[in-house]
Amino acid sequence: MLTIWGRKNSSNVMPVLWTADELGLAYDHKMVGGSFGGIDTDAFRAMNPNMRVPVLQDGDFVLYESNAIVRHLARAHGHGSLMPDSLHDQAHADQWLDWHKTTLTGPMIDLFWRTVRCQPDQRNPDLIAQAKGATEKALSLLDAHLACRDFMVMDRLTIADIPLGTLIYRYYNIQVDHQDFKNIKAWYARLQDRPAYRRNVMIPFGTTLAEWDELERSLV
């Protein structure tokens, strides 16, 4: 059986859990990282010397890096569903997985840490505005891409939607004024219709560091 290592409120672990759920895969889930600890052991370091989550274990096969795991699961179990059919569509899906990491993740995580993961009395409005501006500059490109399509690639959910869809939940649940991205909102609504998205991505994280810590401790 597959084993997925990583706390389920991590934006890097969520895409892996969502992918496995969409594919109907059976797996054992190990809650490690964050307040759960468990990543600074010799056993975990042997699986991932970076001591970060997620990690996928399948017998003797071990893989880390979130998007690499998403790709692997879809290639192994999702042809005709999460994995696009043609080489060109697969290439476009890869393009958006890379864009997620190179363009959107940095400013989005910056915005998240300067709001939710920062004590209220230590928040810097100028730095929050800067992070929000960089995030929404990237999201404007995503919104334009979604103007004529329901999903990122093809006419169905694929791996291209999964990491991006995880960050979109974060964006719309951070307490800032959100730009009116009509196409992203419509796509986000379609994602919310999926039970696997609701189970694995729509996990409350609060509005303050104290709420984050309390909600993380409540996870099982």
N, C-alpha and C. Protein backbone atom coordinates (compact mmCIF):
# COMPACT_ATOMS: atom_id res chain seq x y z
N MET A 1 0.84 -1.20 0.00
CA MET A 1 0.00 0.00 0.00
C MET A 1 0.87 1.25 0.00
N LEU A 2 0.38 2.30 -0.64
CA LEU A 2 1.06 3.58 -0.63
C LEU A 2 1.04 4.18 0.77
N THR A 3 2.10 4.92 1.09
CA THR A 3 2.12 5.73 2.30
C THR A 3 2.44 7.16 1.90
N ILE A 4 1.63 8.10 2.39
CA ILE A 4 1.86 9.52 2.15
C ILE A 4 2.21 10.16 3.48
N TRP A 5 3.38 10.77 3.52
CA TRP A 5 3.88 11.42 4.72
C TRP A 5 3.68 12.93 4.60
N GLY A 6 3.04 13.53 5.61
CA GLY A 6 2.90 14.98 5.62
C GLY A 6 1.60 15.43 6.25
N ARG A 7 1.67 16.51 7.01
CA ARG A 7 0.47 17.05 7.66
C ARG A 7 -0.50 17.57 6.60
N LYS A 8 -1.78 17.32 6.82
CA LYS A 8 -2.74 17.58 5.75
C LYS A 8 -3.11 19.04 5.58
N ASN A 9 -2.63 19.94 6.46
CA ASN A 9 -2.87 21.36 6.24
C ASN A 9 -1.72 22.04 5.50
N SER A 10 -0.75 21.27 5.04
CA SER A 10 0.35 21.81 4.25
C SER A 10 -0.10 21.99 2.80
N SER A 11 0.18 23.16 2.23
CA SER A 11 -0.20 23.40 0.83
C SER A 11 0.62 22.55 -0.13
N ASN A 12 1.70 21.94 0.34
CA ASN A 12 2.46 21.00 -0.50
C ASN A 12 1.92 19.58 -0.39
N VAL A 13 1.34 19.24 0.74
CA VAL A 13 0.79 17.90 0.93
C VAL A 13 -0.61 17.79 0.31
N MET A 14 -1.38 18.86 0.39
CA MET A 14 -2.76 18.84 -0.12
C MET A 14 -2.87 18.35 -1.56
N PRO A 15 -2.02 18.81 -2.50
CA PRO A 15 -2.15 18.31 -3.87
C PRO A 15 -1.97 16.80 -3.99
N VAL A 16 -1.09 16.25 -3.16
CA VAL A 16 -0.85 14.81 -3.20
C VAL A 16 -2.08 14.05 -2.68
N LEU A 17 -2.62 14.50 -1.56
CA LEU A 17 -3.81 13.85 -1.00
C LEU A 17 -5.00 13.99 -1.94
N TRP A 18 -5.15 15.17 -2.53
CA TRP A 18 -6.25 15.40 -3.46
C TRP A 18 -6.12 14.48 -4.68
N THR A 19 -4.91 14.38 -5.21
CA THR A 19 -4.67 13.51 -6.37
C THR A 19 -5.02 12.06 -6.04
N ALA A 20 -4.51 11.57 -4.91
CA ALA A 20 -4.79 10.19 -4.52
C ALA A 20 -6.28 9.95 -4.34
N ASP A 21 -6.98 10.92 -3.78
CA ASP A 21 -8.42 10.80 -3.56
C ASP A 21 -9.16 10.78 -4.89
N GLU A 22 -8.81 11.68 -5.81
CA GLU A 22 -9.47 11.70 -7.12
C GLU A 22 -9.28 10.37 -7.85
N LEU A 23 -8.13 9.74 -7.65
CA LEU A 23 -7.83 8.48 -8.34
C LEU A 23 -8.37 7.26 -7.59
N GLY A 24 -8.95 7.48 -6.41
CA GLY A 24 -9.51 6.37 -5.65
C GLY A 24 -8.46 5.43 -5.09
N LEU A 25 -7.27 5.95 -4.79
CA LEU A 25 -6.18 5.11 -4.32
C LEU A 25 -6.27 4.88 -2.81
N ALA A 26 -5.96 3.68 -2.40
CA ALA A 26 -5.84 3.37 -0.97
C ALA A 26 -4.44 3.76 -0.52
N TYR A 27 -4.34 4.38 0.64
CA TYR A 27 -3.02 4.77 1.14
C TYR A 27 -3.08 4.93 2.66
N ASP A 28 -1.92 4.81 3.26
CA ASP A 28 -1.75 5.08 4.69
C ASP A 28 -1.20 6.50 4.81
N HIS A 29 -1.80 7.29 5.67
CA HIS A 29 -1.39 8.69 5.80
C HIS A 29 -0.69 8.90 7.13
N LYS A 30 0.53 9.43 7.08
CA LYS A 30 1.31 9.72 8.28
C LYS A 30 1.36 11.23 8.49
N MET A 31 0.80 11.69 9.60
CA MET A 31 0.78 13.12 9.91
C MET A 31 2.12 13.51 10.53
N VAL A 32 3.00 14.07 9.71
CA VAL A 32 4.30 14.54 10.19
C VAL A 32 4.53 15.94 9.65
N GLY A 33 5.48 16.64 10.28
CA GLY A 33 5.78 18.01 9.90
C GLY A 33 5.00 18.99 10.75
N GLY A 34 5.44 20.24 10.76
CA GLY A 34 4.78 21.25 11.57
C GLY A 34 4.80 20.86 13.03
N SER A 35 3.69 21.08 13.73
CA SER A 35 3.62 20.78 15.16
C SER A 35 3.62 19.28 15.44
N PHE A 36 3.45 18.45 14.39
CA PHE A 36 3.45 17.00 14.58
C PHE A 36 4.87 16.44 14.65
N GLY A 37 5.85 17.20 14.17
CA GLY A 37 7.23 16.73 14.21
C GLY A 37 7.42 15.50 13.33
N GLY A 38 8.44 14.71 13.66
CA GLY A 38 8.67 13.45 12.98
C GLY A 38 9.52 13.53 11.73
N ILE A 39 9.97 14.74 11.34
CA ILE A 39 10.75 14.84 10.10
C ILE A 39 12.24 14.99 10.36
N ASP A 40 12.63 15.08 11.63
CA ASP A 40 14.05 15.23 11.95
C ASP A 40 14.65 13.93 12.48
N THR A 41 14.04 12.82 12.09
CA THR A 41 14.55 11.51 12.49
C THR A 41 15.45 10.95 11.39
N ASP A 42 16.28 10.00 11.76
CA ASP A 42 17.14 9.36 10.75
C ASP A 42 16.31 8.63 9.71
N ALA A 43 15.20 8.02 10.15
CA ALA A 43 14.36 7.27 9.22
C ALA A 43 13.73 8.18 8.18
N PHE A 44 13.25 9.35 8.63
CA PHE A 44 12.63 10.26 7.66
C PHE A 44 13.70 10.89 6.77
N ARG A 45 14.84 11.24 7.36
CA ARG A 45 15.92 11.85 6.58
C ARG A 45 16.41 10.90 5.50
N ALA A 46 16.33 9.61 5.75
CA ALA A 46 16.72 8.63 4.73
C ALA A 46 15.78 8.66 3.54
N MET A 47 14.50 9.02 3.78
CA MET A 47 13.55 9.14 2.68
C MET A 47 13.69 10.48 1.98
N ASN A 48 13.86 11.54 2.75
CA ASN A 48 14.00 12.88 2.17
C ASN A 48 15.05 13.66 2.95
N PRO A 49 16.25 13.79 2.41
CA PRO A 49 17.31 14.49 3.13
C PRO A 49 17.01 15.97 3.35
N ASN A 50 16.01 16.51 2.63
CA ASN A 50 15.59 17.89 2.87
C ASN A 50 14.77 18.04 4.14
N MET A 51 14.29 16.91 4.67
CA MET A 51 13.45 16.88 5.88
C MET A 51 12.22 17.77 5.71
N ARG A 52 11.54 17.57 4.58
CA ARG A 52 10.32 18.32 4.29
C ARG A 52 9.26 17.35 3.78
N VAL A 53 8.01 17.78 3.87
CA VAL A 53 6.90 16.99 3.37
C VAL A 53 6.37 17.66 2.10
N PRO A 54 5.74 16.83 1.22
CA PRO A 54 5.34 15.43 1.37
C PRO A 54 6.42 14.46 0.90
N VAL A 55 6.21 13.21 1.30
CA VAL A 55 6.99 12.08 0.79
C VAL A 55 6.01 10.97 0.46
N LEU A 56 6.22 10.34 -0.69
CA LEU A 56 5.43 9.17 -1.09
C LEU A 56 6.31 7.94 -0.96
N GLN A 57 5.77 6.92 -0.32
CA GLN A 57 6.48 5.65 -0.16
C GLN A 57 5.61 4.54 -0.73
N ASP A 58 6.20 3.75 -1.61
CA ASP A 58 5.49 2.62 -2.22
C ASP A 58 6.44 1.44 -2.22
N GLY A 59 6.42 0.68 -1.13
CA GLY A 59 7.41 -0.38 -0.96
C GLY A 59 8.79 0.22 -0.84
N ASP A 60 9.70 -0.20 -1.71
CA ASP A 60 11.06 0.34 -1.69
C ASP A 60 11.19 1.64 -2.47
N PHE A 61 10.14 2.01 -3.17
CA PHE A 61 10.17 3.23 -3.99
C PHE A 61 9.78 4.42 -3.12
N VAL A 62 10.61 5.46 -3.13
CA VAL A 62 10.35 6.68 -2.35
C VAL A 62 10.51 7.88 -3.26
N LEU A 63 9.58 8.84 -3.13
CA LEU A 63 9.61 10.04 -3.96
C LEU A 63 9.23 11.24 -3.12
N TYR A 64 9.97 12.33 -3.27
CA TYR A 64 9.58 13.58 -2.63
C TYR A 64 9.46 14.68 -3.68
N GLU A 65 9.00 15.83 -3.26
CA GLU A 65 8.60 16.99 -4.07
C GLU A 65 7.15 16.81 -4.52
N SER A 66 6.33 17.76 -4.11
CA SER A 66 4.89 17.66 -4.27
C SER A 66 4.46 17.43 -5.71
N ASN A 67 4.90 18.28 -6.63
CA ASN A 67 4.44 18.15 -8.01
C ASN A 67 4.98 16.89 -8.68
N ALA A 68 6.17 16.46 -8.28
CA ALA A 68 6.70 15.20 -8.81
C ALA A 68 5.81 14.03 -8.40
N ILE A 69 5.32 14.06 -7.16
CA ILE A 69 4.44 12.99 -6.68
C ILE A 69 3.11 13.03 -7.43
N VAL A 70 2.56 14.23 -7.62
CA VAL A 70 1.30 14.36 -8.37
C VAL A 70 1.47 13.78 -9.77
N ARG A 71 2.55 14.14 -10.45
CA ARG A 71 2.80 13.61 -11.80
C ARG A 71 2.91 12.08 -11.77
N HIS A 72 3.67 11.57 -10.82
CA HIS A 72 3.88 10.13 -10.75
C HIS A 72 2.57 9.38 -10.54
N LEU A 73 1.76 9.83 -9.60
CA LEU A 73 0.49 9.14 -9.33
C LEU A 73 -0.42 9.17 -10.55
N ALA A 74 -0.44 10.31 -11.24
CA ALA A 74 -1.30 10.41 -12.42
C ALA A 74 -0.78 9.55 -13.57
N ARG A 75 0.54 9.49 -13.73
CA ARG A 75 1.10 8.62 -14.78
C ARG A 75 0.82 7.15 -14.47
N ALA A 76 0.91 6.79 -13.20
CA ALA A 76 0.75 5.39 -12.81
C ALA A 76 -0.70 4.95 -12.79
N HIS A 77 -1.61 5.87 -12.44
CA HIS A 77 -2.99 5.47 -12.18
C HIS A 77 -4.04 6.32 -12.89
N GLY A 78 -3.63 7.40 -13.57
CA GLY A 78 -4.63 8.35 -14.03
C GLY A 78 -4.66 8.64 -15.51
N HIS A 79 -4.15 7.75 -16.36
CA HIS A 79 -4.27 7.99 -17.80
C HIS A 79 -5.74 7.94 -18.20
N GLY A 80 -6.15 8.95 -18.94
CA GLY A 80 -7.56 9.07 -19.31
C GLY A 80 -8.38 9.82 -18.29
N SER A 81 -7.76 10.21 -17.17
CA SER A 81 -8.47 11.03 -16.18
C SER A 81 -7.57 12.21 -15.81
N LEU A 82 -6.81 12.11 -14.73
CA LEU A 82 -5.98 13.24 -14.33
C LEU A 82 -4.80 13.47 -15.26
N MET A 83 -4.29 12.43 -15.86
CA MET A 83 -3.19 12.58 -16.82
C MET A 83 -3.77 12.80 -18.21
N PRO A 84 -3.47 13.94 -18.84
CA PRO A 84 -3.99 14.18 -20.19
C PRO A 84 -3.59 13.09 -21.17
N ASP A 85 -4.36 12.99 -22.24
CA ASP A 85 -4.18 11.89 -23.19
C ASP A 85 -3.00 12.11 -24.13
N SER A 86 -2.91 13.29 -24.72
CA SER A 86 -1.91 13.51 -25.76
C SER A 86 -0.63 14.08 -25.16
N LEU A 87 0.46 13.91 -25.90
CA LEU A 87 1.74 14.46 -25.46
C LEU A 87 1.69 15.97 -25.35
N HIS A 88 0.98 16.62 -26.26
CA HIS A 88 0.88 18.08 -26.21
C HIS A 88 0.12 18.54 -24.96
N ASP A 89 -0.98 17.86 -24.66
CA ASP A 89 -1.74 18.22 -23.46
C ASP A 89 -0.94 17.91 -22.19
N GLN A 90 -0.18 16.82 -22.21
CA GLN A 90 0.69 16.52 -21.07
C GLN A 90 1.74 17.62 -20.90
N ALA A 91 2.28 18.09 -22.01
CA ALA A 91 3.28 19.16 -21.95
C ALA A 91 2.68 20.44 -21.39
N HIS A 92 1.45 20.77 -21.80
CA HIS A 92 0.80 21.96 -21.26
C HIS A 92 0.49 21.79 -19.77
N ALA A 93 0.13 20.59 -19.36
CA ALA A 93 -0.08 20.35 -17.92
C ALA A 93 1.22 20.55 -17.16
N ASP A 94 2.32 20.02 -17.69
CA ASP A 94 3.63 20.22 -17.06
C ASP A 94 3.98 21.71 -16.99
N GLN A 95 3.66 22.43 -18.05
CA GLN A 95 3.92 23.87 -18.08
C GLN A 95 3.25 24.57 -16.90
N TRP A 96 1.98 24.22 -16.63
CA TRP A 96 1.26 24.90 -15.56
C TRP A 96 1.72 24.42 -14.17
N LEU A 97 2.15 23.17 -14.06
CA LEU A 97 2.73 22.74 -12.79
C LEU A 97 4.02 23.50 -12.50
N ASP A 98 4.82 23.72 -13.53
CA ASP A 98 6.05 24.50 -13.33
C ASP A 98 5.73 25.96 -13.06
N TRP A 99 4.75 26.53 -13.76
CA TRP A 99 4.36 27.92 -13.53
C TRP A 99 3.87 28.11 -12.10
N HIS A 100 3.14 27.13 -11.60
CA HIS A 100 2.69 27.18 -10.20
C HIS A 100 3.87 27.38 -9.26
N LYS A 101 4.96 26.65 -9.49
CA LYS A 101 6.12 26.74 -8.60
C LYS A 101 6.96 27.99 -8.86
N THR A 102 7.17 28.33 -10.13
CA THR A 102 8.10 29.42 -10.44
C THR A 102 7.48 30.80 -10.33
N THR A 103 6.16 30.92 -10.51
CA THR A 103 5.55 32.24 -10.64
C THR A 103 4.55 32.56 -9.53
N LEU A 104 3.69 31.61 -9.17
CA LEU A 104 2.63 31.92 -8.20
C LEU A 104 3.00 31.58 -6.77
N THR A 105 3.70 30.49 -6.55
CA THR A 105 3.92 30.02 -5.18
C THR A 105 4.67 31.05 -4.33
N GLY A 106 5.72 31.65 -4.85
CA GLY A 106 6.52 32.59 -4.07
C GLY A 106 5.71 33.73 -3.48
N PRO A 107 5.05 34.55 -4.32
CA PRO A 107 4.27 35.66 -3.76
C PRO A 107 3.07 35.20 -2.94
N MET A 108 2.46 34.06 -3.32
CA MET A 108 1.31 33.58 -2.56
C MET A 108 1.72 33.16 -1.15
N ILE A 109 2.82 32.45 -1.03
CA ILE A 109 3.30 32.04 0.29
C ILE A 109 3.74 33.26 1.10
N ASP A 110 4.34 34.23 0.43
CA ASP A 110 4.73 35.47 1.10
C ASP A 110 3.50 36.16 1.70
N LEU A 111 2.43 36.25 0.91
CA LEU A 111 1.19 36.86 1.39
C LEU A 111 0.62 36.08 2.57
N PHE A 112 0.64 34.76 2.47
CA PHE A 112 0.11 33.90 3.53
C PHE A 112 0.88 34.09 4.84
N TRP A 113 2.20 34.10 4.75
CA TRP A 113 3.02 34.23 5.96
C TRP A 113 2.95 35.63 6.56
N ARG A 114 2.72 36.64 5.74
CA ARG A 114 2.65 38.01 6.27
C ARG A 114 1.28 38.34 6.85
N THR A 115 0.33 37.43 6.70
CA THR A 115 -1.01 37.63 7.26
C THR A 115 -1.31 36.54 8.28
N VAL A 116 -1.70 35.37 7.81
CA VAL A 116 -2.13 34.29 8.70
C VAL A 116 -1.02 33.85 9.65
N ARG A 117 0.20 33.73 9.16
CA ARG A 117 1.28 33.17 9.97
C ARG A 117 2.12 34.24 10.67
N CYS A 118 1.56 35.43 10.81
CA CYS A 118 2.26 36.53 11.46
C CYS A 118 1.39 37.08 12.59
N GLN A 119 2.02 37.39 13.72
CA GLN A 119 1.27 37.98 14.82
C GLN A 119 0.64 39.30 14.35
N PRO A 120 -0.63 39.56 14.71
CA PRO A 120 -1.30 40.78 14.23
C PRO A 120 -0.51 42.06 14.49
N ASP A 121 0.15 42.16 15.64
CA ASP A 121 0.87 43.39 15.96
C ASP A 121 2.21 43.50 15.23
N GLN A 122 2.57 42.45 14.49
CA GLN A 122 3.82 42.47 13.74
C GLN A 122 3.59 42.56 12.23
N ARG A 123 2.35 42.65 11.81
CA ARG A 123 2.06 42.72 10.38
C ARG A 123 2.44 44.09 9.82
N ASN A 124 3.03 44.05 8.64
CA ASN A 124 3.47 45.27 7.97
C ASN A 124 2.56 45.52 6.77
N PRO A 125 1.68 46.52 6.83
CA PRO A 125 0.73 46.75 5.73
C PRO A 125 1.41 46.95 4.38
N ASP A 126 2.56 47.60 4.36
CA ASP A 126 3.25 47.84 3.08
C ASP A 126 3.74 46.53 2.48
N LEU A 127 4.29 45.65 3.32
CA LEU A 127 4.78 44.37 2.81
C LEU A 127 3.63 43.46 2.41
N ILE A 128 2.51 43.54 3.14
CA ILE A 128 1.33 42.77 2.75
C ILE A 128 0.82 43.24 1.39
N ALA A 129 0.76 44.56 1.20
CA ALA A 129 0.30 45.10 -0.08
C ALA A 129 1.23 44.69 -1.21
N GLN A 130 2.52 44.67 -0.93
CA GLN A 130 3.49 44.26 -1.95
C GLN A 130 3.29 42.79 -2.33
N ALA A 131 3.11 41.93 -1.33
CA ALA A 131 2.90 40.51 -1.60
C ALA A 131 1.57 40.28 -2.33
N LYS A 132 0.55 41.02 -1.92
CA LYS A 132 -0.76 40.90 -2.58
C LYS A 132 -0.67 41.35 -4.03
N GLY A 133 0.04 42.44 -4.28
CA GLY A 133 0.19 42.92 -5.65
C GLY A 133 0.91 41.91 -6.54
N ALA A 134 1.97 41.30 -6.01
CA ALA A 134 2.71 40.30 -6.79
C ALA A 134 1.86 39.06 -7.04
N THR A 135 1.09 38.66 -6.03
CA THR A 135 0.20 37.50 -6.18
C THR A 135 -0.84 37.78 -7.26
N GLU A 136 -1.46 38.94 -7.20
CA GLU A 136 -2.54 39.24 -8.14
C GLU A 136 -2.02 39.55 -9.54
N LYS A 137 -0.78 39.96 -9.65
CA LYS A 137 -0.17 40.09 -10.99
C LYS A 137 -0.09 38.72 -11.65
N ALA A 138 0.32 37.71 -10.88
CA ALA A 138 0.37 36.35 -11.42
C ALA A 138 -1.04 35.83 -11.69
N LEU A 139 -1.96 36.09 -10.77
CA LEU A 139 -3.32 35.59 -10.94
C LEU A 139 -4.02 36.21 -12.15
N SER A 140 -3.63 37.42 -12.54
CA SER A 140 -4.24 38.03 -13.72
C SER A 140 -3.92 37.21 -14.97
N LEU A 141 -2.73 36.60 -15.02
CA LEU A 141 -2.38 35.72 -16.14
C LEU A 141 -3.22 34.44 -16.11
N LEU A 142 -3.41 33.91 -14.90
CA LEU A 142 -4.24 32.72 -14.76
C LEU A 142 -5.68 33.01 -15.16
N ASP A 143 -6.19 34.16 -14.76
CA ASP A 143 -7.56 34.54 -15.10
C ASP A 143 -7.74 34.65 -16.61
N ALA A 144 -6.76 35.23 -17.28
CA ALA A 144 -6.83 35.35 -18.74
C ALA A 144 -6.83 33.97 -19.40
N HIS A 145 -6.02 33.07 -18.87
CA HIS A 145 -5.96 31.71 -19.44
C HIS A 145 -7.30 31.01 -19.31
N LEU A 146 -8.01 31.25 -18.22
CA LEU A 146 -9.28 30.56 -17.96
C LEU A 146 -10.48 31.23 -18.63
N ALA A 147 -10.25 32.26 -19.40
CA ALA A 147 -11.36 33.00 -20.00
C ALA A 147 -12.20 32.14 -20.94
N CYS A 148 -11.58 31.20 -21.62
CA CYS A 148 -12.29 30.41 -22.63
C CYS A 148 -12.29 28.92 -22.31
N ARG A 149 -12.08 28.57 -21.05
CA ARG A 149 -12.03 27.15 -20.71
C ARG A 149 -12.51 26.93 -19.28
N ASP A 150 -12.99 25.73 -19.02
CA ASP A 150 -13.49 25.38 -17.69
C ASP A 150 -12.38 24.91 -16.76
N PHE A 151 -11.35 24.28 -17.33
CA PHE A 151 -10.23 23.78 -16.55
C PHE A 151 -8.93 24.20 -17.23
N MET A 152 -7.82 23.95 -16.57
CA MET A 152 -6.55 24.47 -17.05
C MET A 152 -6.13 23.88 -18.40
N VAL A 153 -6.35 22.57 -18.57
CA VAL A 153 -5.98 21.87 -19.80
C VAL A 153 -7.12 20.92 -20.12
N MET A 154 -7.49 20.84 -21.38
CA MET A 154 -8.59 19.97 -21.80
C MET A 154 -9.91 20.46 -21.18
N ASP A 155 -10.93 19.63 -21.26
CA ASP A 155 -12.26 20.02 -20.77
C ASP A 155 -12.61 19.29 -19.48
N ARG A 156 -11.59 18.85 -18.74
CA ARG A 156 -11.81 18.12 -17.50
C ARG A 156 -10.68 18.43 -16.54
N LEU A 157 -10.87 18.03 -15.30
CA LEU A 157 -9.82 18.18 -14.30
C LEU A 157 -8.62 17.33 -14.67
N THR A 158 -7.43 17.94 -14.64
CA THR A 158 -6.19 17.20 -14.84
C THR A 158 -5.19 17.65 -13.77
N ILE A 159 -4.00 17.09 -13.83
CA ILE A 159 -2.97 17.48 -12.87
C ILE A 159 -2.66 18.97 -12.94
N ALA A 160 -2.94 19.61 -14.06
CA ALA A 160 -2.67 21.04 -14.19
C ALA A 160 -3.49 21.87 -13.21
N ASP A 161 -4.66 21.37 -12.83
CA ASP A 161 -5.54 22.12 -11.92
C ASP A 161 -5.18 21.94 -10.45
N ILE A 162 -4.46 20.89 -10.12
CA ILE A 162 -4.40 20.47 -8.72
C ILE A 162 -3.51 21.37 -7.85
N PRO A 163 -2.24 21.58 -8.16
CA PRO A 163 -1.47 22.48 -7.31
C PRO A 163 -2.01 23.91 -7.32
N LEU A 164 -2.43 24.39 -8.48
CA LEU A 164 -2.98 25.75 -8.56
C LEU A 164 -4.27 25.86 -7.77
N GLY A 165 -5.13 24.85 -7.87
CA GLY A 165 -6.38 24.88 -7.13
C GLY A 165 -6.18 24.91 -5.63
N THR A 166 -5.08 24.31 -5.17
CA THR A 166 -4.77 24.35 -3.75
C THR A 166 -4.45 25.77 -3.30
N LEU A 167 -3.65 26.48 -4.08
CA LEU A 167 -3.29 27.85 -3.71
C LEU A 167 -4.47 28.80 -3.83
N ILE A 168 -5.39 28.52 -4.75
CA ILE A 168 -6.55 29.39 -4.91
C ILE A 168 -7.42 29.36 -3.66
N TYR A 169 -7.55 28.20 -3.03
CA TYR A 169 -8.28 28.15 -1.76
C TYR A 169 -7.61 29.05 -0.72
N ARG A 170 -6.29 29.01 -0.66
CA ARG A 170 -5.57 29.88 0.27
C ARG A 170 -5.86 31.35 -0.03
N TYR A 171 -5.76 31.71 -1.30
CA TYR A 171 -5.95 33.11 -1.69
C TYR A 171 -7.31 33.63 -1.24
N TYR A 172 -8.37 32.89 -1.52
CA TYR A 172 -9.72 33.38 -1.23
C TYR A 172 -10.09 33.29 0.25
N ASN A 173 -9.24 32.69 1.06
CA ASN A 173 -9.53 32.60 2.48
C ASN A 173 -8.55 33.36 3.36
N ILE A 174 -7.67 34.13 2.75
CA ILE A 174 -6.86 35.10 3.47
C ILE A 174 -7.67 36.39 3.58
N GLN A 175 -7.63 37.02 4.74
CA GLN A 175 -8.46 38.19 4.99
C GLN A 175 -7.83 39.45 4.39
N VAL A 176 -7.93 39.55 3.06
CA VAL A 176 -7.53 40.75 2.33
C VAL A 176 -8.62 41.04 1.31
N ASP A 177 -8.59 42.23 0.73
CA ASP A 177 -9.51 42.54 -0.36
C ASP A 177 -9.04 41.80 -1.61
N HIS A 178 -9.94 41.04 -2.21
CA HIS A 178 -9.57 40.22 -3.35
C HIS A 178 -9.96 40.90 -4.66
N GLN A 179 -9.05 40.86 -5.61
CA GLN A 179 -9.36 41.39 -6.93
C GLN A 179 -10.45 40.53 -7.58
N ASP A 180 -11.24 41.15 -8.43
CA ASP A 180 -12.39 40.47 -9.02
C ASP A 180 -11.95 39.69 -10.26
N PHE A 181 -11.48 38.46 -10.03
CA PHE A 181 -11.08 37.58 -11.13
C PHE A 181 -12.27 36.69 -11.48
N LYS A 182 -13.06 37.10 -12.44
CA LYS A 182 -14.30 36.39 -12.75
C LYS A 182 -14.04 34.95 -13.22
N ASN A 183 -13.03 34.76 -14.04
CA ASN A 183 -12.78 33.42 -14.58
C ASN A 183 -12.20 32.49 -13.52
N ILE A 184 -11.34 33.02 -12.68
CA ILE A 184 -10.81 32.21 -11.58
C ILE A 184 -11.93 31.83 -10.62
N LYS A 185 -12.82 32.77 -10.33
CA LYS A 185 -13.93 32.47 -9.43
C LYS A 185 -14.81 31.35 -9.98
N ALA A 186 -15.07 31.37 -11.28
CA ALA A 186 -15.90 30.32 -11.88
C ALA A 186 -15.18 28.97 -11.81
N TRP A 187 -13.89 28.97 -12.08
CA TRP A 187 -13.08 27.74 -11.97
C TRP A 187 -13.04 27.24 -10.53
N TYR A 188 -12.84 28.15 -9.60
CA TYR A 188 -12.82 27.81 -8.17
C TYR A 188 -14.15 27.18 -7.75
N ALA A 189 -15.26 27.71 -8.26
CA ALA A 189 -16.57 27.13 -7.95
C ALA A 189 -16.67 25.71 -8.49
N ARG A 190 -16.13 25.47 -9.68
CA ARG A 190 -16.15 24.11 -10.23
C ARG A 190 -15.31 23.17 -9.38
N LEU A 191 -14.17 23.64 -8.89
CA LEU A 191 -13.35 22.81 -8.02
C LEU A 191 -14.08 22.47 -6.73
N GLN A 192 -14.80 23.44 -6.19
CA GLN A 192 -15.51 23.21 -4.93
C GLN A 192 -16.65 22.20 -5.09
N ASP A 193 -17.09 21.96 -6.30
CA ASP A 193 -18.11 20.94 -6.54
C ASP A 193 -17.57 19.52 -6.38
N ARG A 194 -16.25 19.39 -6.34
CA ARG A 194 -15.63 18.07 -6.29
C ARG A 194 -15.43 17.63 -4.83
N PRO A 195 -15.99 16.50 -4.43
CA PRO A 195 -15.84 16.05 -3.04
C PRO A 195 -14.38 15.91 -2.61
N ALA A 196 -13.51 15.44 -3.51
CA ALA A 196 -12.10 15.26 -3.13
C ALA A 196 -11.43 16.60 -2.85
N TYR A 197 -11.85 17.65 -3.54
CA TYR A 197 -11.32 18.99 -3.27
C TYR A 197 -11.77 19.47 -1.90
N ARG A 198 -13.03 19.27 -1.61
CA ARG A 198 -13.54 19.71 -0.31
C ARG A 198 -12.87 18.95 0.83
N ARG A 199 -12.65 17.67 0.64
CA ARG A 199 -12.05 16.86 1.71
C ARG A 199 -10.58 17.21 1.96
N ASN A 200 -9.83 17.47 0.90
CA ASN A 200 -8.38 17.55 1.02
C ASN A 200 -7.79 18.95 0.93
N VAL A 201 -8.56 19.90 0.44
CA VAL A 201 -8.03 21.25 0.26
C VAL A 201 -8.74 22.27 1.14
N MET A 202 -10.04 22.14 1.28
CA MET A 202 -10.81 23.16 1.99
C MET A 202 -10.75 22.92 3.50
N ILE A 203 -9.55 23.06 4.03
CA ILE A 203 -9.27 22.85 5.45
C ILE A 203 -9.07 24.21 6.09
N PRO A 204 -9.91 24.61 7.03
CA PRO A 204 -9.78 25.95 7.63
C PRO A 204 -8.40 26.16 8.24
N PHE A 205 -7.88 27.38 8.06
CA PHE A 205 -6.57 27.69 8.64
C PHE A 205 -6.59 28.94 9.51
N GLY A 206 -7.76 29.55 9.68
CA GLY A 206 -7.87 30.69 10.58
C GLY A 206 -7.36 31.97 9.97
N THR A 207 -7.31 33.00 10.80
CA THR A 207 -6.88 34.32 10.34
C THR A 207 -5.67 34.85 11.10
N THR A 208 -5.25 34.12 12.14
CA THR A 208 -4.11 34.55 12.95
C THR A 208 -3.21 33.35 13.21
N LEU A 209 -2.01 33.63 13.69
CA LEU A 209 -1.08 32.56 14.02
C LEU A 209 -1.64 31.67 15.11
N ALA A 210 -2.29 32.26 16.11
CA ALA A 210 -2.87 31.46 17.19
C ALA A 210 -3.96 30.53 16.66
N GLU A 211 -4.80 31.03 15.76
CA GLU A 211 -5.84 30.19 15.19
C GLU A 211 -5.23 29.08 14.34
N TRP A 212 -4.19 29.41 13.57
CA TRP A 212 -3.50 28.39 12.78
C TRP A 212 -3.01 27.26 13.68
N ASP A 213 -2.33 27.63 14.77
CA ASP A 213 -1.77 26.61 15.67
C ASP A 213 -2.88 25.76 16.28
N GLU A 214 -3.97 26.39 16.68
CA GLU A 214 -5.07 25.65 17.30
C GLU A 214 -5.72 24.70 16.29
N LEU A 215 -5.93 25.17 15.07
CA LEU A 215 -6.55 24.33 14.05
C LEU A 215 -5.63 23.18 13.65
N GLU A 216 -4.33 23.44 13.60
CA GLU A 216 -3.40 22.37 13.26
C GLU A 216 -3.42 21.28 14.33
N ARG A 217 -3.46 21.68 15.58
CA ARG A 217 -3.49 20.69 16.67
C ARG A 217 -4.76 19.85 16.64
N SER A 218 -5.83 20.40 16.04
CA SER A 218 -7.11 19.67 16.00
C SER A 218 -7.17 18.65 14.87
N LEU A 219 -6.20 18.67 13.96
CA LEU A 219 -6.22 17.75 12.83
C LEU A 219 -5.96 16.33 13.29
N VAL A 220 -6.62 15.40 12.64
CA VAL A 220 -6.39 13.98 12.95
C VAL A 220 -6.08 13.25 11.66
